[in-house]
Amino acid sequence: MRRWDDDFPYFKRSTPREARGGIKAQSKRGDFGQSWWAKRWITVLESFDIGARLGRGRSYARRGQVLSIEIDKGNVRAKVQGSRPTPYDVELKIKTLSATDWKKLAEALSREALFAAKLLGGEMPPDIEKTFKATGLSLFPGKPGDLKTSCSCPDWSNPCKHIAAVYYLLGEEFDRDPFLIFKLRGMDRGALMKVLRPLTPRPQAIREKSDARRGAAPKQEGPLTSEVSKFWNGENLPDDFFGEVSIPSAPAALPKKLGTFPFWRGRERILDAMETIYSKASPLGLSVFLGERPEHDEAPGVGPMNPIES
């Protein structure tokens, strides 16, 4: 006989043990996925009728109860710390597409110039699901047999809260790297690019074809000139070589553009921490560039510093 269940409040709920160094959800209160494809993945999970386990799964994901996640083609393995000393083993199996299906799909994607360009640029194109459906396939698990989950916990419900926690964290990771969805369906990013490139006309080839139609002569590139003395001694740089140097209005713009780390484990969101560091370091960096003495000999979080000679 079972001891308790999330959906029966008169059973005593177990409290998960504190997990050290676990993967913590980075999204703030609200939805886990920000992009349309991450939201679509979460929708698949929430289509299962698992009641309060969804809420507990979100809590586990935010508390860092998920200790590890390994993603492979058609398979996700994770360890989740629950109430027992030994973490539970979670596994998600996603049905992969066959080589024939991927070839058919790649040909369909290459016929859509926008789709191919965005994929080659590392983005998930909008309406890509329509192309999948047109070839009789699906990007996300669409049938009960497309997704199978298991957990070593004693809860009879499948998916349980431990599986839900892993599922939510995967949704966040898809925001960072949408190609993980393709990997789960059987083809990683490198293999997909290898299939797409030969089928997608290159911009140079398109220009040459257009020039040939207009009767324009092919553009000839001149030979590169080289001077040994300039190579070894360099050249005199103009005074305004760097242009105007100032503190950026938006701190940590480049890290924000690059995105967060995969499965971040820190207590603070990485981009929030980076923004604080950049805000403190930018004035110091500008002083160093201008050859000025910093206002303080000691920067917060950096330790004692030697005065900069002007």
Protein backbone atom coordinates (compact mmCIF):
# COMPACT_ATOMS: atom_id res chain seq x y z
CA MET A 1 0.00 0.00 0.00
CA ARG A 2 1.32 3.41 -0.89
CA ARG A 3 2.38 5.83 1.84
CA TRP A 4 1.29 9.10 0.27
CA ASP A 5 0.33 10.82 -2.93
CA ASP A 6 0.58 14.39 -4.10
CA ASP A 7 -3.11 14.48 -4.92
CA PHE A 8 -4.31 13.23 -1.51
CA PRO A 9 -3.62 15.89 1.16
CA TYR A 10 -4.33 13.58 4.12
CA PHE A 11 -1.11 11.69 3.38
CA LYS A 12 2.00 13.32 4.79
CA ARG A 13 4.09 14.90 2.08
CA SER A 14 7.76 14.05 2.04
CA THR A 15 10.29 16.87 2.14
CA PRO A 16 13.17 16.60 -0.33
CA ARG A 17 16.68 16.59 1.08
CA GLU A 18 18.74 19.67 0.39
CA ALA A 19 20.75 19.21 -2.80
CA ARG A 20 24.18 20.80 -3.07
CA GLY A 21 25.41 21.99 -6.44
CA GLY A 22 22.14 21.16 -8.20
CA ILE A 23 20.88 22.71 -11.45
CA LYS A 24 18.64 25.68 -10.68
CA ALA A 25 16.04 27.10 -13.02
CA GLN A 26 17.10 30.51 -14.35
CA SER A 27 13.70 31.84 -15.30
CA LYS A 28 12.06 34.16 -12.83
CA ARG A 29 8.57 33.59 -11.53
CA GLY A 30 6.30 32.74 -14.42
CA ASP A 31 6.80 30.65 -17.52
CA PHE A 32 9.89 28.45 -17.80
CA GLY A 33 10.29 28.75 -21.56
CA GLN A 34 10.61 32.14 -23.29
CA SER A 35 10.85 31.09 -26.94
CA TRP A 36 7.97 29.55 -28.85
CA TRP A 37 9.76 26.22 -29.17
CA ALA A 38 10.50 26.01 -25.42
CA LYS A 39 6.86 26.84 -24.64
CA ARG A 40 5.78 24.17 -27.11
CA TRP A 41 7.91 21.59 -25.26
CA ILE A 42 6.42 22.58 -21.90
CA THR A 43 2.94 22.32 -23.40
CA VAL A 44 3.59 18.64 -24.10
CA LEU A 45 4.37 18.06 -20.40
CA GLU A 46 1.39 20.04 -19.17
CA SER A 47 -0.91 18.09 -21.46
CA PHE A 48 -0.47 15.14 -19.09
CA ASP A 49 -3.00 15.09 -16.28
CA ILE A 50 -0.64 14.86 -13.29
CA GLY A 51 -2.27 17.40 -10.98
CA ALA A 52 -0.15 18.85 -8.16
CA ARG A 53 2.97 17.10 -9.42
CA LEU A 54 3.42 19.86 -11.99
CA GLY A 55 3.70 22.47 -9.24
CA ARG A 56 6.10 20.32 -7.21
CA GLY A 57 8.13 19.67 -10.35
CA ARG A 58 8.50 23.42 -10.88
CA SER A 59 9.52 23.79 -7.22
CA TYR A 60 12.15 21.06 -7.57
CA ALA A 61 13.54 22.74 -10.68
CA ARG A 62 13.80 26.11 -8.94
CA ARG A 63 15.33 24.68 -5.74
CA GLY A 64 18.11 22.86 -7.60
CA GLN A 65 16.97 19.32 -6.75
CA VAL A 66 18.06 18.08 -10.19
CA LEU A 67 21.70 17.07 -9.79
CA SER A 68 22.62 16.23 -13.37
CA ILE A 69 21.18 16.01 -16.87
CA GLU A 70 22.76 14.18 -19.80
CA ILE A 71 21.27 14.61 -23.28
CA ASP A 72 21.88 12.19 -26.12
CA LYS A 73 20.08 11.28 -29.31
CA GLY A 74 16.61 10.18 -28.31
CA ASN A 75 17.54 9.95 -24.64
CA VAL A 76 17.78 12.11 -21.52
CA ARG A 77 19.18 10.76 -18.24
CA ALA A 78 19.06 12.71 -15.01
CA LYS A 79 19.50 12.35 -11.26
CA VAL A 80 17.07 14.09 -8.93
CA GLN A 81 17.47 14.43 -5.18
CA GLY A 82 14.25 13.54 -3.39
CA SER A 83 13.47 12.67 0.20
CA ARG A 84 15.62 9.54 0.25
CA PRO A 85 19.44 9.58 0.63
CA THR A 86 20.03 8.10 -2.84
CA PRO A 87 19.00 10.37 -5.75
CA TYR A 88 16.36 9.03 -8.10
CA ASP A 89 17.21 8.03 -11.67
CA VAL A 90 15.07 9.74 -14.29
CA GLU A 91 15.01 8.78 -17.96
CA LEU A 92 13.19 10.26 -20.93
CA LYS A 93 13.11 8.38 -24.22
CA ILE A 94 12.06 10.30 -27.32
CA LYS A 95 11.39 8.46 -30.56
CA THR A 96 14.05 9.39 -33.13
CA LEU A 97 13.45 9.97 -36.82
CA SER A 98 15.01 7.59 -39.33
CA ALA A 99 17.83 8.56 -41.71
CA THR A 100 15.30 8.49 -44.57
CA ASP A 101 12.99 10.83 -42.67
CA TRP A 102 15.84 13.26 -41.94
CA LYS A 103 16.90 13.31 -45.60
CA LYS A 104 13.33 14.01 -46.69
CA LEU A 105 13.03 16.71 -44.06
CA ALA A 106 16.36 18.34 -44.97
CA GLU A 107 15.27 18.58 -48.61
CA ALA A 108 12.01 20.22 -47.55
CA LEU A 109 13.81 22.68 -45.24
CA SER A 110 16.35 23.61 -47.93
CA ARG A 111 13.52 24.63 -50.28
CA GLU A 112 12.54 27.31 -47.78
CA ALA A 113 15.29 29.94 -48.06
CA LEU A 114 14.36 31.60 -44.77
CA PHE A 115 14.28 28.28 -42.89
CA ALA A 116 17.65 27.16 -44.21
CA ALA A 117 19.26 30.57 -43.56
CA LYS A 118 18.01 30.73 -39.98
CA LEU A 119 19.04 27.15 -39.22
CA LEU A 120 22.50 27.70 -40.68
CA GLY A 121 22.70 30.84 -38.52
CA GLY A 122 21.80 28.89 -35.38
CA GLU A 123 18.16 29.97 -35.02
CA MET A 124 14.90 28.03 -34.92
CA PRO A 125 12.74 29.34 -37.80
CA PRO A 126 9.13 30.26 -37.17
CA ASP A 127 6.51 27.89 -38.58
CA ILE A 128 9.08 25.12 -38.94
CA GLU A 129 6.52 22.71 -37.53
CA LYS A 130 4.48 23.19 -40.70
CA THR A 131 7.37 21.81 -42.76
CA PHE A 132 7.60 18.82 -40.45
CA LYS A 133 3.88 18.17 -40.79
CA ALA A 134 4.03 18.57 -44.58
CA THR A 135 6.48 15.66 -44.68
CA GLY A 136 4.34 13.57 -42.33
CA LEU A 137 6.68 14.13 -39.35
CA SER A 138 6.65 16.08 -36.09
CA LEU A 139 9.33 18.15 -34.38
CA PHE A 140 7.95 17.51 -30.90
CA PRO A 141 6.58 14.28 -29.46
CA GLY A 142 3.10 14.09 -30.92
CA LYS A 143 1.86 10.62 -29.99
CA PRO A 144 1.97 8.65 -26.71
CA GLY A 145 4.59 6.32 -28.21
CA ASP A 146 6.90 9.24 -29.10
CA LEU A 147 7.78 9.92 -25.46
CA LYS A 148 8.40 7.45 -22.66
CA THR A 149 9.46 8.45 -19.16
CA SER A 150 10.56 6.55 -16.08
CA CYS A 151 11.76 7.32 -12.54
CA SER A 152 13.13 5.09 -9.78
CA CYS A 153 10.99 6.84 -7.11
CA PRO A 154 8.09 4.98 -5.42
CA ASP A 155 5.43 7.28 -6.88
CA TRP A 156 3.14 5.29 -9.17
CA SER A 157 2.30 8.35 -11.31
CA ASN A 158 4.21 8.74 -14.56
CA PRO A 159 5.36 11.41 -15.08
CA CYS A 160 6.09 12.14 -11.43
CA LYS A 161 7.37 15.41 -9.93
CA HIS A 162 10.99 14.35 -10.51
CA ILE A 163 10.37 13.81 -14.22
CA ALA A 164 8.46 17.12 -14.35
CA ALA A 165 11.44 18.96 -12.82
CA VAL A 166 13.78 17.58 -15.50
CA TYR A 167 11.25 18.42 -18.19
CA TYR A 168 11.02 22.05 -17.06
CA LEU A 169 14.81 22.44 -17.01
CA LEU A 170 15.00 20.99 -20.51
CA GLY A 171 12.54 23.68 -21.63
CA GLU A 172 14.90 26.35 -20.30
CA GLU A 173 17.84 24.70 -22.04
CA PHE A 174 15.96 24.71 -25.35
CA ASP A 175 15.78 28.51 -25.02
CA ARG A 176 19.58 28.57 -24.98
CA ASP A 177 20.15 25.91 -27.63
CA PRO A 178 17.15 25.05 -29.85
CA PHE A 179 19.20 22.42 -31.69
CA LEU A 180 18.88 20.14 -28.67
CA ILE A 181 15.33 19.46 -29.88
CA PHE A 182 16.74 18.12 -33.14
CA LYS A 183 19.25 16.07 -31.18
CA LEU A 184 16.49 14.44 -29.18
CA ARG A 185 14.81 13.53 -32.46
CA GLY A 186 17.98 11.86 -33.69
CA MET A 187 20.21 14.44 -35.41
CA ASP A 188 22.59 16.81 -33.66
CA ARG A 189 23.49 20.28 -34.88
CA GLY A 190 26.66 19.30 -36.74
CA ALA A 191 24.98 16.50 -38.65
CA LEU A 192 22.01 18.71 -39.56
CA MET A 193 24.29 21.46 -40.87
CA LYS A 194 26.22 18.88 -42.89
CA VAL A 195 22.99 17.75 -44.55
CA LEU A 196 21.64 21.26 -45.13
CA ARG A 197 24.74 22.98 -46.57
CA PRO A 198 25.02 21.00 -49.83
CA LEU A 199 21.29 21.54 -50.46
CA THR A 200 21.31 25.29 -49.75
CA PRO A 201 22.67 27.70 -52.41
CA ARG A 202 25.49 29.86 -51.09
CA PRO A 203 25.11 33.67 -51.36
CA GLN A 204 28.20 33.88 -53.62
CA ALA A 205 26.77 31.26 -55.96
CA ILE A 206 23.46 33.14 -56.09
CA ARG A 207 25.25 36.42 -56.94
CA GLU A 208 27.34 34.80 -59.67
CA LYS A 209 24.23 33.22 -61.17
CA SER A 210 22.46 36.60 -61.11
CA ASP A 211 25.47 38.36 -62.70
CA ALA A 212 25.62 35.73 -65.45
CA ARG A 213 21.95 36.38 -66.28
CA ARG A 214 22.62 40.12 -66.53
CA GLY A 215 25.73 39.56 -68.62
CA ALA A 216 28.01 41.11 -66.02
CA ALA A 217 31.66 40.08 -65.99
CA PRO A 218 32.75 38.00 -63.01
CA LYS A 219 34.35 40.08 -60.28
CA GLN A 220 38.10 39.51 -60.11
CA GLU A 221 39.83 39.80 -56.78
CA GLY A 222 43.24 41.46 -56.95
CA PRO A 223 46.33 39.84 -55.43
CA LEU A 224 47.22 40.71 -51.88
CA THR A 225 50.22 42.97 -51.44
CA SER A 226 52.73 42.36 -48.67
CA GLU A 227 55.56 44.36 -47.19
CA VAL A 228 57.90 42.52 -44.85
CA SER A 229 58.83 45.69 -42.95
CA LYS A 230 55.19 46.44 -42.13
CA PHE A 231 54.69 42.86 -40.99
CA TRP A 232 57.55 42.98 -38.48
CA ASN A 233 57.51 46.65 -37.47
CA GLY A 234 53.84 47.45 -37.76
CA GLU A 235 52.43 50.77 -38.87
CA ASN A 236 51.73 54.01 -37.11
CA LEU A 237 48.15 54.00 -35.86
CA PRO A 238 46.06 57.17 -36.06
CA ASP A 239 45.22 58.88 -32.78
CA ASP A 240 41.53 58.12 -33.20
CA PHE A 241 42.09 54.45 -34.11
CA PHE A 242 39.74 53.26 -31.33
CA GLY A 243 37.16 55.95 -31.96
CA GLU A 244 35.12 57.22 -29.03
CA VAL A 245 35.61 55.08 -25.95
CA SER A 246 32.91 55.23 -23.31
CA ILE A 247 31.13 53.06 -20.76
CA PRO A 248 28.30 51.11 -22.46
CA SER A 249 24.81 52.20 -21.53
CA ALA A 250 23.73 48.57 -21.14
CA PRO A 251 26.09 46.56 -18.89
CA ALA A 252 27.12 43.03 -19.95
CA ALA A 253 25.63 43.45 -23.43
CA LEU A 254 27.88 40.79 -24.98
CA PRO A 255 27.26 38.09 -22.33
CA LYS A 256 23.54 38.77 -22.64
CA LYS A 257 23.78 38.26 -26.38
CA LEU A 258 25.70 35.02 -25.92
CA GLY A 259 23.13 33.74 -23.43
CA THR A 260 23.43 31.79 -20.23
CA PHE A 261 25.56 28.73 -19.46
CA PRO A 262 24.04 25.30 -20.00
CA PHE A 263 22.35 24.00 -16.83
CA TRP A 264 23.67 26.78 -14.57
CA ARG A 265 24.20 25.71 -10.93
CA GLY A 266 24.83 29.02 -9.17
CA ARG A 267 22.54 30.54 -6.56
CA GLU A 268 22.30 33.73 -8.61
CA ARG A 269 21.36 33.96 -12.29
CA ILE A 270 24.60 34.13 -14.27
CA LEU A 271 23.53 37.14 -16.35
CA ASP A 272 22.49 39.06 -13.22
CA ALA A 273 25.90 38.36 -11.68
CA MET A 274 27.68 39.37 -14.89
CA GLU A 275 25.73 42.62 -15.07
CA THR A 276 26.89 43.55 -11.56
CA ILE A 277 30.51 42.71 -12.40
CA TYR A 278 30.45 44.69 -15.65
CA SER A 279 28.89 47.70 -13.92
CA LYS A 280 31.75 47.77 -11.38
CA ALA A 281 34.54 46.93 -13.83
CA SER A 282 33.65 49.32 -16.67
CA PRO A 283 34.71 52.56 -14.91
CA LEU A 284 37.98 50.94 -13.85
CA GLY A 285 38.60 49.67 -17.38
CA LEU A 286 38.00 53.13 -18.83
CA SER A 287 40.48 54.64 -16.36
CA VAL A 288 43.09 52.06 -17.35
CA PHE A 289 42.52 52.79 -21.04
CA LEU A 290 42.86 56.53 -20.53
CA GLY A 291 45.94 56.08 -18.36
CA GLU A 292 44.29 57.71 -15.38
CA ARG A 293 44.58 56.85 -11.71
CA PRO A 294 41.43 55.06 -10.50
CA GLU A 295 39.29 56.94 -8.00
CA HIS A 296 39.83 54.11 -5.47
CA ASP A 297 42.91 51.97 -5.05
CA GLU A 298 40.70 49.05 -4.17
CA ALA A 299 37.86 47.85 -6.39
CA PRO A 300 34.95 45.94 -4.84
CA GLY A 301 35.54 42.22 -5.09
CA VAL A 302 38.98 42.66 -6.66
CA GLY A 303 41.28 43.33 -3.69
CA PRO A 304 44.12 45.81 -3.25
CA MET A 305 45.42 47.36 -6.45
CA ASN A 306 48.57 49.22 -7.31
CA PRO A 307 48.15 52.83 -8.46
CA ILE A 308 48.27 53.15 -12.24
CA GLU A 309 51.07 55.39 -13.41
CA SER A 310 49.96 58.19 -15.68
